[in-house]
Amino acid sequence: MELQIKNLNKTYSNGVQALKDVNLTIPQGMFGLLGPNGAGKSSLMRTLATLQQADSGSATLGDIDVLKDKAKVREILGYLPQEFGVYPKISSYNMLNHIA
């Protein structure tokens, strides 16, 4: 399943332009995103994982429109960021159920 990203843009409300005309074609396999802090790696991943909206552009995973068919993307994509918040007073079972 190939991932195609075309002219993807994201600017946050504080004016920070995190993604500017990102164009990538990634064939099936394992890949990593490397870059300095502020390069847009997390913004790109959050967008592809349907956790935030892009301002413009397109992204397709196989025949799935990532930006429009979020439910379909979430059926096949897993995303685990380096750091994520948990609720300290919730049970492990309830936390897993919430995340799932």
C-alpha atoms as a PDB file:
ATOM      1  CA  MET A   1       0.000   0.000   0.000  1.00  0.00           C
ATOM      2  CA  GLU A   2       1.615   3.228  -1.172  1.00  0.00           C
ATOM      3  CA  LEU A   3       1.336   6.547   0.674  1.00  0.00           C
ATOM      4  CA  GLN A   4       1.148   9.603  -1.576  1.00  0.00           C
ATOM      5  CA  ILE A   5       1.288  13.095  -0.132  1.00  0.00           C
ATOM      6  CA  LYS A   6       0.841  16.082  -2.435  1.00  0.00           C
ATOM      7  CA  ASN A   7       1.185  19.770  -1.562  1.00  0.00           C
ATOM      8  CA  LEU A   8       0.242  19.218   2.091  1.00  0.00           C
ATOM      9  CA  ASN A   9       0.080  22.394   4.188  1.00  0.00           C
ATOM     10  CA  LYS A  10      -0.616  23.114   7.847  1.00  0.00           C
ATOM     11  CA  THR A  11      -0.396  26.451   9.642  1.00  0.00           C
ATOM     12  CA  TYR A  12      -1.352  26.637  13.307  1.00  0.00           C
ATOM     13  CA  SER A  13      -3.474  29.442  14.776  1.00  0.00           C
ATOM     14  CA  ASN A  14      -0.361  31.062  16.273  1.00  0.00           C
ATOM     15  CA  GLY A  15       1.044  31.547  12.746  1.00  0.00           C
ATOM     16  CA  VAL A  16       3.581  28.706  12.776  1.00  0.00           C
ATOM     17  CA  GLN A  17       3.688  27.044   9.358  1.00  0.00           C
ATOM     18  CA  ALA A  18       4.430  23.424  10.245  1.00  0.00           C
ATOM     19  CA  LEU A  19       3.969  21.903   6.774  1.00  0.00           C
ATOM     20  CA  LYS A  20       4.644  23.740   3.527  1.00  0.00           C
ATOM     21  CA  ASP A  21       3.896  21.990   0.235  1.00  0.00           C
ATOM     22  CA  VAL A  22       5.027  18.568   1.466  1.00  0.00           C
ATOM     23  CA  ASN A  23       5.305  16.060  -1.395  1.00  0.00           C
ATOM     24  CA  LEU A  24       6.225  12.437  -0.699  1.00  0.00           C
ATOM     25  CA  THR A  25       5.618   9.057  -2.230  1.00  0.00           C
ATOM     26  CA  ILE A  26       6.396   6.212   0.157  1.00  0.00           C
ATOM     27  CA  PRO A  27       6.086   2.631  -1.096  1.00  0.00           C
ATOM     28  CA  GLN A  28       5.075  -0.248   1.149  1.00  0.00           C
ATOM     29  CA  GLY A  29       7.678  -0.998   3.805  1.00  0.00           C
ATOM     30  CA  MET A  30       9.173   0.574   6.902  1.00  0.00           C
ATOM     31  CA  PHE A  31      10.399   4.153   6.867  1.00  0.00           C
ATOM     32  CA  GLY A  32      11.470   6.749   9.386  1.00  0.00           C
ATOM     33  CA  LEU A  33      11.133  10.503   9.507  1.00  0.00           C
ATOM     34  CA  LEU A  34      14.313  12.234  10.576  1.00  0.00           C
ATOM     35  CA  GLY A  35      14.844  15.927  11.102  1.00  0.00           C
ATOM     36  CA  PRO A  36      15.545  18.604  13.682  1.00  0.00           C
ATOM     37  CA  ASN A  37      12.982  19.839  16.184  1.00  0.00           C
ATOM     38  CA  GLY A  38      10.440  22.029  14.444  1.00  0.00           C
ATOM     39  CA  ALA A  39      10.883  20.383  11.041  1.00  0.00           C
ATOM     40  CA  GLY A  40       7.232  19.230  10.929  1.00  0.00           C
ATOM     41  CA  LYS A  41       7.637  15.496  11.624  1.00  0.00           C
ATOM     42  CA  SER A  42       5.020  15.373  14.374  1.00  0.00           C
ATOM     43  CA  SER A  43       2.658  17.658  12.466  1.00  0.00           C
ATOM     44  CA  LEU A  44       2.887  15.383   9.434  1.00  0.00           C
ATOM     45  CA  MET A  45       2.292  12.253  11.518  1.00  0.00           C
ATOM     46  CA  ARG A  46      -0.654  13.796  13.406  1.00  0.00           C
ATOM     47  CA  THR A  47      -2.192  14.802  10.081  1.00  0.00           C
ATOM     48  CA  LEU A  48      -1.710  11.355   8.543  1.00  0.00           C
ATOM     49  CA  ALA A  49      -3.087   9.709  11.704  1.00  0.00           C
ATOM     50  CA  THR A  50      -6.214  11.895  11.350  1.00  0.00           C
ATOM     51  CA  LEU A  51      -5.597  13.671  14.659  1.00  0.00           C
ATOM     52  CA  GLN A  52      -5.525  17.116  13.036  1.00  0.00           C
ATOM     53  CA  GLN A  53      -6.754  18.665   9.791  1.00  0.00           C
ATOM     54  CA  ALA A  54      -4.458  19.846   7.031  1.00  0.00           C
ATOM     55  CA  ASP A  55      -5.151  23.287   5.590  1.00  0.00           C
ATOM     56  CA  SER A  56      -4.705  22.095   2.017  1.00  0.00           C
ATOM     57  CA  GLY A  57      -3.197  19.370  -0.104  1.00  0.00           C
ATOM     58  CA  SER A  58      -3.927  15.664  -0.341  1.00  0.00           C
ATOM     59  CA  ALA A  59      -2.812  12.362   1.111  1.00  0.00           C
ATOM     60  CA  THR A  60      -3.812   8.906  -0.054  1.00  0.00           C
ATOM     61  CA  LEU A  61      -2.993   5.535   1.451  1.00  0.00           C
ATOM     62  CA  GLY A  62      -3.640   3.047  -1.320  1.00  0.00           C
ATOM     63  CA  ASP A  63      -7.097   4.074  -2.514  1.00  0.00           C
ATOM     64  CA  ILE A  64      -8.081   5.753   0.783  1.00  0.00           C
ATOM     65  CA  ASP A  65      -8.279   9.535   0.950  1.00  0.00           C
ATOM     66  CA  VAL A  66      -6.580  10.116   4.312  1.00  0.00           C
ATOM     67  CA  LEU A  67      -7.940  13.640   4.743  1.00  0.00           C
ATOM     68  CA  LYS A  68     -11.569  12.771   3.942  1.00  0.00           C
ATOM     69  CA  ASP A  69     -12.106   9.137   4.996  1.00  0.00           C
ATOM     70  CA  LYS A  70     -10.776   9.206   8.557  1.00  0.00           C
ATOM     71  CA  ALA A  71     -12.730   6.171   9.750  1.00  0.00           C
ATOM     72  CA  LYS A  72     -11.245   4.002   7.000  1.00  0.00           C
ATOM     73  CA  VAL A  73      -7.714   5.207   7.822  1.00  0.00           C
ATOM     74  CA  ARG A  74      -8.210   4.458  11.515  1.00  0.00           C
ATOM     75  CA  GLU A  75      -9.219   0.874  10.684  1.00  0.00           C
ATOM     76  CA  ILE A  76      -5.768   0.118   9.252  1.00  0.00           C
ATOM     77  CA  LEU A  77      -3.325   2.646  10.740  1.00  0.00           C
ATOM     78  CA  GLY A  78      -1.731   2.523  14.164  1.00  0.00           C
ATOM     79  CA  TYR A  79       0.096   5.529  15.613  1.00  0.00           C
ATOM     80  CA  LEU A  80       2.161   5.674  18.792  1.00  0.00           C
ATOM     81  CA  PRO A  81       3.919   8.983  19.386  1.00  0.00           C
ATOM     82  CA  GLN A  82       7.095   9.203  21.445  1.00  0.00           C
ATOM     83  CA  GLU A  83       5.189  10.860  24.261  1.00  0.00           C
ATOM     84  CA  PHE A  84       1.477  10.811  24.864  1.00  0.00           C
ATOM     85  CA  GLY A  85      -0.631  11.875  27.800  1.00  0.00           C
ATOM     86  CA  VAL A  86      -2.366   9.438  30.091  1.00  0.00           C
ATOM     87  CA  TYR A  87      -4.866  10.030  32.831  1.00  0.00           C
ATOM     88  CA  PRO A  88      -3.270   9.112  36.184  1.00  0.00           C
ATOM     89  CA  LYS A  89      -6.486   7.953  37.882  1.00  0.00           C
ATOM     90  CA  ILE A  90      -7.814   5.695  35.118  1.00  0.00           C
ATOM     91  CA  SER A  91      -7.397   1.913  35.114  1.00  0.00           C
ATOM     92  CA  SER A  92      -5.219   0.229  32.482  1.00  0.00           C
ATOM     93  CA  TYR A  93      -8.282  -1.483  31.014  1.00  0.00           C
ATOM     94  CA  ASN A  94     -10.243   1.763  30.725  1.00  0.00           C
ATOM     95  CA  MET A  95      -7.238   3.564  29.240  1.00  0.00           C
ATOM     96  CA  LEU A  96      -6.757   0.911  26.562  1.00  0.00           C
ATOM     97  CA  ASN A  97     -10.467   0.965  25.818  1.00  0.00           C
ATOM     98  CA  HIS A  98     -10.368   4.756  25.507  1.00  0.00           C
ATOM     99  CA  ILE A  99      -7.367   4.718  23.153  1.00  0.00           C
ATOM    100  CA  ALA A 100      -8.779   1.879  21.051  1.00  0.00           C
END
